[in-house]
């Protein structure tokens, strides 16, 4: 809100919020492996917003029109499934596949922690 009044989140307001608040607050937690995920709201997928996010998360932006596509008609919480499980499967089954359920669980833990 501005001066206690509700406002519409335009692409410019969203970009300003990213630059002024969100990205500086995230800075100490972000490394070259950190992904940024957002929903497909118009202000989030506007060019100005995506430009700022691509600078902060090059090649690691999960969004409509982002580097990693947001699945169409997807509720917000399924995007990690869309990306994470496919990624983990490719890593966990690389080389020799796990032979037991416990080995599978351990490899998943190792990949998540790496």
PDB file of N, CA and C in Angstrom:
ATOM      1  N   UNK A   1       0.837  -1.189   0.000  1.00  0.00           N
ATOM      2  CA  UNK A   1       0.000   0.000   0.000  1.00  0.00           C
ATOM      3  C   UNK A   1       0.876   1.245   0.000  1.00  0.00           C
ATOM      4  N   UNK A   2       0.322   2.311  -0.472  1.00  0.00           N
ATOM      5  CA  UNK A   2       0.996   3.607  -0.448  1.00  0.00           C
ATOM      6  C   UNK A   2       0.196   4.525   0.458  1.00  0.00           C
ATOM      7  N   UNK A   3       0.849   5.070   1.460  1.00  0.00           N
ATOM      8  CA  UNK A   3       0.190   5.964   2.419  1.00  0.00           C
ATOM      9  C   UNK A   3      -1.038   5.313   3.037  1.00  0.00           C
ATOM     10  N   UNK A   4      -0.974   4.000   3.268  1.00  0.00           N
ATOM     11  CA  UNK A   4      -2.088   3.296   3.887  1.00  0.00           C
ATOM     12  C   UNK A   4      -3.210   2.937   2.944  1.00  0.00           C
ATOM     13  N   UNK A   5      -3.090   3.284   1.674  1.00  0.00           N
ATOM     14  CA  UNK A   5      -4.123   2.959   0.691  1.00  0.00           C
ATOM     15  C   UNK A   5      -3.690   1.758  -0.141  1.00  0.00           C
ATOM     16  N   UNK A   6      -4.646   0.903  -0.470  1.00  0.00           N
ATOM     17  CA  UNK A   6      -4.354  -0.233  -1.345  1.00  0.00           C
ATOM     18  C   UNK A   6      -4.114   0.269  -2.761  1.00  0.00           C
ATOM     19  N   UNK A   7      -3.183  -0.370  -3.442  1.00  0.00           N
ATOM     20  CA  UNK A   7      -2.870   0.010  -4.819  1.00  0.00           C
ATOM     21  C   UNK A   7      -2.792  -1.249  -5.677  1.00  0.00           C
ATOM     22  N   UNK A   8      -2.948  -1.068  -6.963  1.00  0.00           N
ATOM     23  CA  UNK A   8      -2.779  -2.161  -7.912  1.00  0.00           C
ATOM     24  C   UNK A   8      -1.291  -2.407  -8.111  1.00  0.00           C
ATOM     25  N   UNK A   9      -0.896  -3.669  -8.136  1.00  0.00           N
ATOM     26  CA  UNK A   9       0.509  -3.997  -8.356  1.00  0.00           C
ATOM     27  C   UNK A   9       0.758  -4.006  -9.864  1.00  0.00           C
ATOM     28  N   UNK A  10       1.272  -2.897 -10.346  1.00  0.00           N
ATOM     29  CA  UNK A  10       1.630  -2.777 -11.760  1.00  0.00           C
ATOM     30  C   UNK A  10       3.015  -3.372 -11.971  1.00  0.00           C
ATOM     31  N   UNK A  11       3.405  -3.528 -13.215  1.00  0.00           N
ATOM     32  CA  UNK A  11       4.740  -4.055 -13.487  1.00  0.00           C
ATOM     33  C   UNK A  11       5.816  -3.120 -12.937  1.00  0.00           C
ATOM     34  N   UNK A  12       5.595  -1.811 -13.009  1.00  0.00           N
ATOM     35  CA  UNK A  12       6.573  -0.862 -12.476  1.00  0.00           C
ATOM     36  C   UNK A  12       6.656  -0.964 -10.953  1.00  0.00           C
ATOM     37  N   UNK A  13       5.508  -1.068 -10.277  1.00  0.00           N
ATOM     38  CA  UNK A  13       5.532  -1.210  -8.812  1.00  0.00           C
ATOM     39  C   UNK A  13       6.216  -2.512  -8.403  1.00  0.00           C
ATOM     40  N   UNK A  14       5.938  -3.582  -9.133  1.00  0.00           N
ATOM     41  CA  UNK A  14       6.559  -4.866  -8.819  1.00  0.00           C
ATOM     42  C   UNK A  14       8.077  -4.787  -9.024  1.00  0.00           C
ATOM     43  N   UNK A  15       8.510  -4.215 -10.125  1.00  0.00           N
ATOM     44  CA  UNK A  15       9.945  -4.060 -10.385  1.00  0.00           C
ATOM     45  C   UNK A  15      10.601  -3.199  -9.306  1.00  0.00           C
ATOM     46  N   UNK A  16       9.939  -2.119  -8.912  1.00  0.00           N
ATOM     47  CA  UNK A  16      10.469  -1.262  -7.841  1.00  0.00           C
ATOM     48  C   UNK A  16      10.592  -2.043  -6.535  1.00  0.00           C
ATOM     49  N   UNK A  17       9.590  -2.872  -6.228  1.00  0.00           N
ATOM     50  CA  UNK A  17       9.616  -3.676  -5.010  1.00  0.00           C
ATOM     51  C   UNK A  17      10.765  -4.685  -5.061  1.00  0.00           C
ATOM     52  N   UNK A  18      10.974  -5.289  -6.220  1.00  0.00           N
ATOM     53  CA  UNK A  18      12.090  -6.231  -6.366  1.00  0.00           C
ATOM     54  C   UNK A  18      13.424  -5.550  -6.087  1.00  0.00           C
ATOM     55  N   UNK A  19      13.641  -4.410  -6.727  1.00  0.00           N
ATOM     56  CA  UNK A  19      14.921  -3.705  -6.621  1.00  0.00           C
ATOM     57  C   UNK A  19      15.124  -3.106  -5.232  1.00  0.00           C
ATOM     58  N   UNK A  20      14.069  -2.561  -4.653  1.00  0.00           N
ATOM     59  CA  UNK A  20      14.187  -1.857  -3.376  1.00  0.00           C
ATOM     60  C   UNK A  20      14.186  -2.794  -2.170  1.00  0.00           C
ATOM     61  N   UNK A  21      13.357  -3.834  -2.216  1.00  0.00           N
ATOM     62  CA  UNK A  21      13.178  -4.674  -1.027  1.00  0.00           C
ATOM     63  C   UNK A  21      13.587  -6.137  -1.224  1.00  0.00           C
ATOM     64  N   UNK A  22      12.961  -6.805  -2.179  1.00  0.00           N
ATOM     65  CA  UNK A  22      13.108  -8.259  -2.283  1.00  0.00           C
ATOM     66  C   UNK A  22      14.533  -8.699  -2.612  1.00  0.00           C
ATOM     67  N   UNK A  23      15.105  -8.182  -3.677  1.00  0.00           N
ATOM     68  CA  UNK A  23      16.443  -8.631  -4.072  1.00  0.00           C
ATOM     69  C   UNK A  23      17.509  -8.294  -3.032  1.00  0.00           C
ATOM     70  N   UNK A  24      17.504  -7.085  -2.444  1.00  0.00           N
ATOM     71  CA  UNK A  24      18.480  -6.830  -1.375  1.00  0.00           C
ATOM     72  C   UNK A  24      18.296  -7.761  -0.167  1.00  0.00           C
ATOM     73  N   UNK A  25      17.044  -8.083   0.178  1.00  0.00           N
ATOM     74  CA  UNK A  25      16.795  -8.968   1.320  1.00  0.00           C
ATOM     75  C   UNK A  25      17.267 -10.393   1.037  1.00  0.00           C
ATOM     76  N   UNK A  26      17.201 -10.810  -0.215  1.00  0.00           N
ATOM     77  CA  UNK A  26      17.613 -12.164  -0.594  1.00  0.00           C
ATOM     78  C   UNK A  26      19.110 -12.283  -0.847  1.00  0.00           C
ATOM     79  N   UNK A  27      19.786 -11.181  -1.030  1.00  0.00           N
ATOM     80  CA  UNK A  27      21.170 -11.170  -1.489  1.00  0.00           C
ATOM     81  C   UNK A  27      22.087 -12.093  -0.700  1.00  0.00           C
ATOM     82  N   UNK A  28      21.994 -12.101   0.613  1.00  0.00           N
ATOM     83  CA  UNK A  28      22.912 -12.919   1.405  1.00  0.00           C
ATOM     84  C   UNK A  28      22.615 -14.415   1.305  1.00  0.00           C
ATOM     85  N   UNK A  29      21.442 -14.783   0.779  1.00  0.00           N
ATOM     86  CA  UNK A  29      21.054 -16.185   0.671  1.00  0.00           C
ATOM     87  C   UNK A  29      21.227 -16.756  -0.735  1.00  0.00           C
ATOM     88  N   UNK A  30      21.473 -15.909  -1.704  1.00  0.00           N
ATOM     89  CA  UNK A  30      21.507 -16.322  -3.103  1.00  0.00           C
ATOM     90  C   UNK A  30      22.924 -16.706  -3.515  1.00  0.00           C
ATOM     91  N   UNK A  31      23.031 -17.865  -4.185  1.00  0.00           N
ATOM     92  CA  UNK A  31      24.297 -18.239  -4.806  1.00  0.00           C
ATOM     93  C   UNK A  31      24.011 -18.644  -6.252  1.00  0.00           C
ATOM     94  N   UNK A  32      25.003 -19.196  -6.933  1.00  0.00           N
ATOM     95  CA  UNK A  32      24.824 -19.502  -8.356  1.00  0.00           C
ATOM     96  C   UNK A  32      23.889 -20.679  -8.616  1.00  0.00           C
ATOM     97  N   UNK A  33      23.404 -21.329  -7.550  1.00  0.00           N
ATOM     98  CA  UNK A  33      22.472 -22.447  -7.706  1.00  0.00           C
ATOM     99  C   UNK A  33      21.045 -22.083  -7.308  1.00  0.00           C
ATOM    100  N   UNK A  34      20.855 -20.908  -6.759  1.00  0.00           N
ATOM    101  CA  UNK A  34      19.539 -20.503  -6.270  1.00  0.00           C
ATOM    102  C   UNK A  34      18.597 -20.214  -7.428  1.00  0.00           C
ATOM    103  N   UNK A  35      17.411 -20.794  -7.345  1.00  0.00           N
ATOM    104  CA  UNK A  35      16.357 -20.540  -8.326  1.00  0.00           C
ATOM    105  C   UNK A  35      15.383 -19.530  -7.742  1.00  0.00           C
ATOM    106  N   UNK A  36      14.761 -18.748  -8.602  1.00  0.00           N
ATOM    107  CA  UNK A  36      13.707 -17.832  -8.171  1.00  0.00           C
ATOM    108  C   UNK A  36      12.436 -18.270  -8.872  1.00  0.00           C
ATOM    109  N   UNK A  37      11.382 -18.491  -8.094  1.00  0.00           N
ATOM    110  CA  UNK A  37      10.110 -18.946  -8.639  1.00  0.00           C
ATOM    111  C   UNK A  37       9.029 -17.931  -8.327  1.00  0.00           C
ATOM    112  N   UNK A  38       8.219 -17.644  -9.326  1.00  0.00           N
ATOM    113  CA  UNK A  38       7.076 -16.760  -9.121  1.00  0.00           C
ATOM    114  C   UNK A  38       5.932 -17.234  -9.997  1.00  0.00           C
ATOM    115  N   UNK A  39       4.731 -16.797  -9.651  1.00  0.00           N
ATOM    116  CA  UNK A  39       3.574 -17.207 -10.441  1.00  0.00           C
ATOM    117  C   UNK A  39       3.480 -16.386 -11.719  1.00  0.00           C
ATOM    118  N   UNK A  40       2.433 -16.624 -12.482  1.00  0.00           N
ATOM    119  CA  UNK A  40       2.311 -15.989 -13.780  1.00  0.00           C
ATOM    120  C   UNK A  40       1.540 -14.692 -13.793  1.00  0.00           C
ATOM    121  N   UNK A  41       1.457 -14.001 -12.667  1.00  0.00           N
ATOM    122  CA  UNK A  41       0.752 -12.715 -12.636  1.00  0.00           C
ATOM    123  C   UNK A  41       1.350 -11.775 -13.683  1.00  0.00           C
ATOM    124  N   UNK A  42       0.508 -10.973 -14.275  1.00  0.00           N
ATOM    125  CA  UNK A  42       0.942 -10.078 -15.350  1.00  0.00           C
ATOM    126  C   UNK A  42       2.107  -9.196 -14.929  1.00  0.00           C
ATOM    127  N   UNK A  43       2.044  -8.636 -13.726  1.00  0.00           N
ATOM    128  CA  UNK A  43       3.139  -7.762 -13.280  1.00  0.00           C
ATOM    129  C   UNK A  43       4.439  -8.548 -13.078  1.00  0.00           C
ATOM    130  N   UNK A  44       4.340  -9.836 -12.755  1.00  0.00           N
ATOM    131  CA  UNK A  44       5.532 -10.664 -12.559  1.00  0.00           C
ATOM    132  C   UNK A  44       6.195 -11.021 -13.880  1.00  0.00           C
ATOM    133  N   UNK A  45       5.392 -11.192 -14.920  1.00  0.00           N
ATOM    134  CA  UNK A  45       5.952 -11.638 -16.198  1.00  0.00           C
ATOM    135  C   UNK A  45       6.159 -10.500 -17.194  1.00  0.00           C
ATOM    136  N   UNK A  46       6.006  -9.271 -16.733  1.00  0.00           N
ATOM    137  CA  UNK A  46       6.273  -8.111 -17.592  1.00  0.00           C
ATOM    138  C   UNK A  46       7.773  -8.015 -17.858  1.00  0.00           C
ATOM    139  N   UNK A  47       8.121  -7.469 -18.982  1.00  0.00           N
ATOM    140  CA  UNK A  47       9.531  -7.386 -19.390  1.00  0.00           C
ATOM    141  C   UNK A  47      10.406  -6.712 -18.328  1.00  0.00           C
ATOM    142  N   UNK A  48       9.940  -5.608 -17.762  1.00  0.00           N
ATOM    143  CA  UNK A  48      10.750  -4.882 -16.769  1.00  0.00           C
ATOM    144  C   UNK A  48      11.046  -5.766 -15.561  1.00  0.00           C
ATOM    145  N   UNK A  49      10.058  -6.531 -15.099  1.00  0.00           N
ATOM    146  CA  UNK A  49      10.246  -7.418 -13.947  1.00  0.00           C
ATOM    147  C   UNK A  49      11.209  -8.548 -14.294  1.00  0.00           C
ATOM    148  N   UNK A  50      10.984  -9.169 -15.451  1.00  0.00           N
ATOM    149  CA  UNK A  50      11.837 -10.284 -15.864  1.00  0.00           C
ATOM    150  C   UNK A  50      13.278  -9.844 -16.090  1.00  0.00           C
ATOM    151  N   UNK A  51      13.478  -8.638 -16.590  1.00  0.00           N
ATOM    152  CA  UNK A  51      14.842  -8.136 -16.800  1.00  0.00           C
ATOM    153  C   UNK A  51      15.613  -8.065 -15.484  1.00  0.00           C
ATOM    154  N   UNK A  52      14.983  -7.525 -14.435  1.00  0.00           N
ATOM    155  CA  UNK A  52      15.646  -7.445 -13.127  1.00  0.00           C
ATOM    156  C   UNK A  52      15.928  -8.837 -12.573  1.00  0.00           C
ATOM    157  N   UNK A  53      14.955  -9.727 -12.696  1.00  0.00           N
ATOM    158  CA  UNK A  53      15.119 -11.073 -12.148  1.00  0.00           C
ATOM    159  C   UNK A  53      16.160 -11.883 -12.912  1.00  0.00           C
ATOM    160  N   UNK A  54      16.242 -11.693 -14.207  1.00  0.00           N
ATOM    161  CA  UNK A  54      17.254 -12.421 -14.988  1.00  0.00           C
ATOM    162  C   UNK A  54      18.667 -11.958 -14.637  1.00  0.00           C
ATOM    163  N   UNK A  55      18.812 -10.697 -14.266  1.00  0.00           N
ATOM    164  CA  UNK A  55      20.128 -10.227 -13.817  1.00  0.00           C
ATOM    165  C   UNK A  55      20.516 -10.887 -12.500  1.00  0.00           C
ATOM    166  N   UNK A  56      19.552 -11.013 -11.597  1.00  0.00           N
ATOM    167  CA  UNK A  56      19.826 -11.583 -10.278  1.00  0.00           C
ATOM    168  C   UNK A  56      19.911 -13.110 -10.309  1.00  0.00           C
ATOM    169  N   UNK A  57      19.150 -13.751 -11.203  1.00  0.00           N
ATOM    170  CA  UNK A  57      19.077 -15.216 -11.271  1.00  0.00           C
ATOM    171  C   UNK A  57      19.257 -15.688 -12.719  1.00  0.00           C
ATOM    172  N   UNK A  58      20.420 -15.467 -13.317  1.00  0.00           N
ATOM    173  CA  UNK A  58      20.600 -15.812 -14.732  1.00  0.00           C
ATOM    174  C   UNK A  58      20.421 -17.313 -14.987  1.00  0.00           C
ATOM    175  N   UNK A  59      19.464 -17.616 -15.884  1.00  0.00           N
ATOM    176  CA  UNK A  59      19.192 -19.002 -16.240  1.00  0.00           C
ATOM    177  C   UNK A  59      18.439 -19.782 -15.188  1.00  0.00           C
ATOM    178  N   UNK A  60      18.013 -19.108 -14.102  1.00  0.00           N
ATOM    179  CA  UNK A  60      17.414 -19.813 -12.969  1.00  0.00           C
ATOM    180  C   UNK A  60      16.074 -19.216 -12.553  1.00  0.00           C
ATOM    181  N   UNK A  61      15.351 -18.654 -13.485  1.00  0.00           N
ATOM    182  CA  UNK A  61      14.074 -18.002 -13.200  1.00  0.00           C
ATOM    183  C   UNK A  61      12.926 -18.905 -13.640  1.00  0.00           C
ATOM    184  N   UNK A  62      12.149 -19.398 -12.668  1.00  0.00           N
ATOM    185  CA  UNK A  62      10.959 -20.205 -12.952  1.00  0.00           C
ATOM    186  C   UNK A  62       9.781 -19.249 -12.964  1.00  0.00           C
ATOM    187  N   UNK A  63       9.226 -19.020 -14.159  1.00  0.00           N
ATOM    188  CA  UNK A  63       8.180 -18.015 -14.311  1.00  0.00           C
ATOM    189  C   UNK A  63       7.554 -18.136 -15.692  1.00  0.00           C
ATOM    190  N   UNK A  64       6.367 -17.593 -15.838  1.00  0.00           N
ATOM    191  CA  UNK A  64       5.823 -17.450 -17.185  1.00  0.00           C
ATOM    192  C   UNK A  64       6.780 -16.531 -17.938  1.00  0.00           C
ATOM    193  N   UNK A  65       7.203 -16.928 -19.111  1.00  0.00           N
ATOM    194  CA  UNK A  65       8.206 -16.216 -19.920  1.00  0.00           C
ATOM    195  C   UNK A  65       9.589 -16.197 -19.265  1.00  0.00           C
ATOM    196  N   UNK A  66       9.813 -17.068 -18.296  1.00  0.00           N
ATOM    197  CA  UNK A  66      11.112 -17.132 -17.629  1.00  0.00           C
ATOM    198  C   UNK A  66      12.037 -18.131 -18.299  1.00  0.00           C
ATOM    199  N   UNK A  67      13.202 -18.349 -17.692  1.00  0.00           N
ATOM    200  CA  UNK A  67      14.194 -19.279 -18.232  1.00  0.00           C
ATOM    201  C   UNK A  67      13.724 -20.725 -18.122  1.00  0.00           C
ATOM    202  N   UNK A  68      13.050 -21.033 -17.023  1.00  0.00           N
ATOM    203  CA  UNK A  68      12.454 -22.351 -16.807  1.00  0.00           C
ATOM    204  C   UNK A  68      10.949 -22.119 -16.821  1.00  0.00           C
ATOM    205  N   UNK A  69      10.237 -22.715 -17.774  1.00  0.00           N
ATOM    206  CA  UNK A  69       8.819 -22.380 -17.934  1.00  0.00           C
ATOM    207  C   UNK A  69       7.958 -22.811 -16.758  1.00  0.00           C
ATOM    208  N   UNK A  70       6.998 -21.967 -16.458  1.00  0.00           N
ATOM    209  CA  UNK A  70       5.986 -22.272 -15.465  1.00  0.00           C
ATOM    210  C   UNK A  70       4.952 -23.145 -16.159  1.00  0.00           C
ATOM    211  N   UNK A  71       4.566 -24.284 -15.588  1.00  0.00           N
ATOM    212  CA  UNK A  71       3.605 -25.146 -16.270  1.00  0.00           C
ATOM    213  C   UNK A  71       2.251 -24.455 -16.453  1.00  0.00           C
ATOM    214  N   UNK A  72       1.686 -24.582 -17.627  1.00  0.00           N
ATOM    215  CA  UNK A  72       0.411 -23.923 -17.938  1.00  0.00           C
ATOM    216  C   UNK A  72      -0.697 -24.393 -17.007  1.00  0.00           C
ATOM    217  N   UNK A  73      -1.572 -23.461 -16.617  1.00  0.00           N
ATOM    218  CA  UNK A  73      -2.724 -23.720 -15.761  1.00  0.00           C
ATOM    219  C   UNK A  73      -2.356 -24.477 -14.487  1.00  0.00           C
ATOM    220  N   UNK A  74      -1.207 -24.170 -13.966  1.00  0.00           N
ATOM    221  CA  UNK A  74      -0.719 -24.872 -12.790  1.00  0.00           C
ATOM    222  C   UNK A  74      -0.986 -24.077 -11.523  1.00  0.00           C
ATOM    223  N   UNK A  75      -1.536 -24.721 -10.490  1.00  0.00           N
ATOM    224  CA  UNK A  75      -1.614 -24.042  -9.190  1.00  0.00           C
ATOM    225  C   UNK A  75      -0.197 -23.724  -8.701  1.00  0.00           C
ATOM    226  N   UNK A  76      -0.083 -22.733  -7.881  1.00  0.00           N
ATOM    227  CA  UNK A  76       1.232 -22.255  -7.447  1.00  0.00           C
ATOM    228  C   UNK A  76       2.138 -23.339  -6.877  1.00  0.00           C
ATOM    229  N   UNK A  77       1.601 -24.269  -6.116  1.00  0.00           N
ATOM    230  CA  UNK A  77       2.466 -25.202  -5.410  1.00  0.00           C
ATOM    231  C   UNK A  77       2.908 -26.398  -6.235  1.00  0.00           C
ATOM    232  N   UNK A  78       2.453 -26.546  -7.463  1.00  0.00           N
ATOM    233  CA  UNK A  78       2.899 -27.692  -8.245  1.00  0.00           C
ATOM    234  C   UNK A  78       4.159 -27.414  -9.051  1.00  0.00           C
ATOM    235  N   UNK A  79       4.564 -26.187  -9.172  1.00  0.00           N
ATOM    236  CA  UNK A  79       5.776 -25.892  -9.946  1.00  0.00           C
ATOM    237  C   UNK A  79       7.013 -26.593  -9.388  1.00  0.00           C
ATOM    238  N   UNK A  80       7.206 -26.683  -8.052  1.00  0.00           N
ATOM    239  CA  UNK A  80       8.361 -27.451  -7.580  1.00  0.00           C
ATOM    240  C   UNK A  80       8.310 -28.903  -8.059  1.00  0.00           C
ATOM    241  N   UNK A  81       7.111 -29.493  -8.098  1.00  0.00           N
ATOM    242  CA  UNK A  81       7.002 -30.854  -8.619  1.00  0.00           C
ATOM    243  C   UNK A  81       7.410 -30.894 -10.080  1.00  0.00           C
ATOM    244  N   UNK A  82       6.974 -29.917 -10.841  1.00  0.00           N
ATOM    245  CA  UNK A  82       7.270 -29.840 -12.271  1.00  0.00           C
ATOM    246  C   UNK A  82       8.771 -29.831 -12.506  1.00  0.00           C
ATOM    247  N   UNK A  83       9.496 -29.063 -11.738  1.00  0.00           N
ATOM    248  CA  UNK A  83      10.939 -28.959 -11.928  1.00  0.00           C
ATOM    249  C   UNK A  83      11.709 -29.963 -11.066  1.00  0.00           C
ATOM    250  N   UNK A  84      11.445 -29.971  -9.767  1.00  0.00           N
ATOM    251  CA  UNK A  84      12.289 -30.687  -8.814  1.00  0.00           C
ATOM    252  C   UNK A  84      12.337 -32.183  -9.060  1.00  0.00           C
ATOM    253  N   UNK A  85      11.190 -32.824  -9.227  1.00  0.00           N
ATOM    254  CA  UNK A  85      11.208 -34.282  -9.332  1.00  0.00           C
ATOM    255  C   UNK A  85      11.842 -34.749 -10.632  1.00  0.00           C
ATOM    256  N   UNK A  86      11.631 -34.039 -11.716  1.00  0.00           N
ATOM    257  CA  UNK A  86      12.306 -34.400 -12.966  1.00  0.00           C
ATOM    258  C   UNK A  86      13.812 -34.237 -12.854  1.00  0.00           C
ATOM    259  N   UNK A  87      14.229 -33.151 -12.211  1.00  0.00           N
ATOM    260  CA  UNK A  87      15.654 -32.903 -12.008  1.00  0.00           C
ATOM    261  C   UNK A  87      16.263 -33.983 -11.111  1.00  0.00           C
ATOM    262  N   UNK A  88      15.601 -34.259  -9.975  1.00  0.00           N
ATOM    263  CA  UNK A  88      16.122 -35.274  -9.060  1.00  0.00           C
ATOM    264  C   UNK A  88      16.210 -36.638  -9.731  1.00  0.00           C
ATOM    265  N   UNK A  89      15.185 -36.995 -10.487  1.00  0.00           N
ATOM    266  CA  UNK A  89      15.199 -38.298 -11.161  1.00  0.00           C
ATOM    267  C   UNK A  89      16.403 -38.409 -12.092  1.00  0.00           C
ATOM    268  N   UNK A  90      16.677 -37.353 -12.851  1.00  0.00           N
ATOM    269  CA  UNK A  90      17.816 -37.404 -13.772  1.00  0.00           C
ATOM    270  C   UNK A  90      19.134 -37.555 -13.021  1.00  0.00           C
ATOM    271  N   UNK A  91      19.234 -36.968 -11.837  1.00  0.00           N
ATOM    272  CA  UNK A  91      20.470 -37.045 -11.051  1.00  0.00           C
ATOM    273  C   UNK A  91      20.585 -38.374 -10.291  1.00  0.00           C
ATOM    274  N   UNK A  92      19.494 -38.800  -9.672  1.00  0.00           N
ATOM    275  CA  UNK A  92      19.508 -39.997  -8.831  1.00  0.00           C
ATOM    276  C   UNK A  92      19.742 -41.265  -9.659  1.00  0.00           C
ATOM    277  N   UNK A  93      19.201 -41.298 -10.876  1.00  0.00           N
ATOM    278  CA  UNK A  93      19.323 -42.493 -11.705  1.00  0.00           C
ATOM    279  C   UNK A  93      20.489 -42.419 -12.690  1.00  0.00           C
ATOM    280  N   UNK A  94      21.336 -41.388 -12.562  1.00  0.00           N
ATOM    281  CA  UNK A  94      22.511 -41.269 -13.415  1.00  0.00           C
ATOM    282  C   UNK A  94      23.487 -42.393 -13.047  1.00  0.00           C
ATOM    283  N   UNK A  95      24.032 -43.054 -14.047  1.00  0.00           N
ATOM    284  CA  UNK A  95      24.962 -44.155 -13.761  1.00  0.00           C
ATOM    285  C   UNK A  95      24.197 -45.396 -13.351  1.00  0.00           C
ATOM    286  N   UNK A  96      24.567 -45.970 -12.229  1.00  0.00           N
ATOM    287  CA  UNK A  96      23.894 -47.175 -11.730  1.00  0.00           C
ATOM    288  C   UNK A  96      22.637 -46.799 -10.966  1.00  0.00           C
ATOM    289  N   UNK A  97      21.470 -47.329 -11.365  1.00  0.00           N
ATOM    290  CA  UNK A  97      20.249 -47.001 -10.631  1.00  0.00           C
ATOM    291  C   UNK A  97      20.280 -47.591  -9.219  1.00  0.00           C
ATOM    292  N   UNK A  98      19.616 -46.936  -8.280  1.00  0.00           N
ATOM    293  CA  UNK A  98      19.554 -47.488  -6.921  1.00  0.00           C
ATOM    294  C   UNK A  98      18.857 -48.850  -6.943  1.00  0.00           C
ATOM    295  N   UNK A  99      19.308 -49.757  -6.063  1.00  0.00           N
ATOM    296  CA  UNK A  99      18.747 -51.116  -6.057  1.00  0.00           C
ATOM    297  C   UNK A  99      17.737 -51.342  -4.949  1.00  0.00           C
ATOM    298  N   UNK A 100      17.764 -50.496  -3.938  1.00  0.00           N
ATOM    299  CA  UNK A 100      16.812 -50.666  -2.834  1.00  0.00           C
ATOM    300  C   UNK A 100      16.107 -49.343  -2.564  1.00  0.00           C
ATOM    301  N   UNK A 101      15.010 -49.442  -1.842  1.00  0.00           N
ATOM    302  CA  UNK A 101      14.282 -48.225  -1.476  1.00  0.00           C
ATOM    303  C   UNK A 101      15.153 -47.330  -0.603  1.00  0.00           C
ATOM    304  N   UNK A 102      15.913 -47.918   0.309  1.00  0.00           N
ATOM    305  CA  UNK A 102      16.783 -47.123   1.183  1.00  0.00           C
ATOM    306  C   UNK A 102      17.882 -46.418   0.390  1.00  0.00           C
ATOM    307  N   UNK A 103      18.439 -47.107  -0.595  1.00  0.00           N
ATOM    308  CA  UNK A 103      19.460 -46.483  -1.439  1.00  0.00           C
ATOM    309  C   UNK A 103      18.854 -45.330  -2.245  1.00  0.00           C
ATOM    310  N   UNK A 104      17.637 -45.524  -2.734  1.00  0.00           N
ATOM    311  CA  UNK A 104      16.934 -44.461  -3.456  1.00  0.00           C
ATOM    312  C   UNK A 104      16.734 -43.246  -2.551  1.00  0.00           C
ATOM    313  N   UNK A 105      16.249 -43.466  -1.338  1.00  0.00           N
ATOM    314  CA  UNK A 105      16.037 -42.359  -0.393  1.00  0.00           C
ATOM    315  C   UNK A 105      17.347 -41.634  -0.096  1.00  0.00           C
ATOM    316  N   UNK A 106      18.415 -42.393   0.095  1.00  0.00           N
ATOM    317  CA  UNK A 106      19.707 -41.782   0.418  1.00  0.00           C
ATOM    318  C   UNK A 106      20.226 -40.941  -0.747  1.00  0.00           C
ATOM    319  N   UNK A 107      20.073 -41.417  -1.953  1.00  0.00           N
ATOM    320  CA  UNK A 107      20.520 -40.638  -3.115  1.00  0.00           C
ATOM    321  C   UNK A 107      19.701 -39.356  -3.266  1.00  0.00           C
ATOM    322  N   UNK A 108      18.410 -39.444  -3.012  1.00  0.00           N
ATOM    323  CA  UNK A 108      17.570 -38.238  -3.065  1.00  0.00           C
ATOM    324  C   UNK A 108      18.045 -37.237  -2.018  1.00  0.00           C
ATOM    325  N   UNK A 109      18.292 -37.709  -0.798  1.00  0.00           N
ATOM    326  CA  UNK A 109      18.798 -36.814   0.259  1.00  0.00           C
ATOM    327  C   UNK A 109      20.118 -36.167  -0.158  1.00  0.00           C
ATOM    328  N   UNK A 110      21.020 -36.961  -0.713  1.00  0.00           N
ATOM    329  CA  UNK A 110      22.325 -36.435  -1.123  1.00  0.00           C
ATOM    330  C   UNK A 110      22.179 -35.356  -2.193  1.00  0.00           C
ATOM    331  N   UNK A 111      21.309 -35.586  -3.157  1.00  0.00           N
ATOM    332  CA  UNK A 111      21.110 -34.594  -4.224  1.00  0.00           C
ATOM    333  C   UNK A 111      20.497 -33.309  -3.686  1.00  0.00           C
ATOM    334  N   UNK A 112      19.532 -33.434  -2.795  1.00  0.00           N
ATOM    335  CA  UNK A 112      18.897 -32.243  -2.220  1.00  0.00           C
ATOM    336  C   UNK A 112      19.906 -31.451  -1.397  1.00  0.00           C
ATOM    337  N   UNK A 113      20.779 -32.140  -0.699  1.00  0.00           N
ATOM    338  CA  UNK A 113      21.769 -31.465   0.141  1.00  0.00           C
ATOM    339  C   UNK A 113      22.986 -30.957  -0.626  1.00  0.00           C
ATOM    340  N   UNK A 114      23.140 -31.364  -1.885  1.00  0.00           N
ATOM    341  CA  UNK A 114      24.329 -30.929  -2.636  1.00  0.00           C
ATOM    342  C   UNK A 114      24.126 -29.577  -3.282  1.00  0.00           C
TER     343      UNK A 114
END
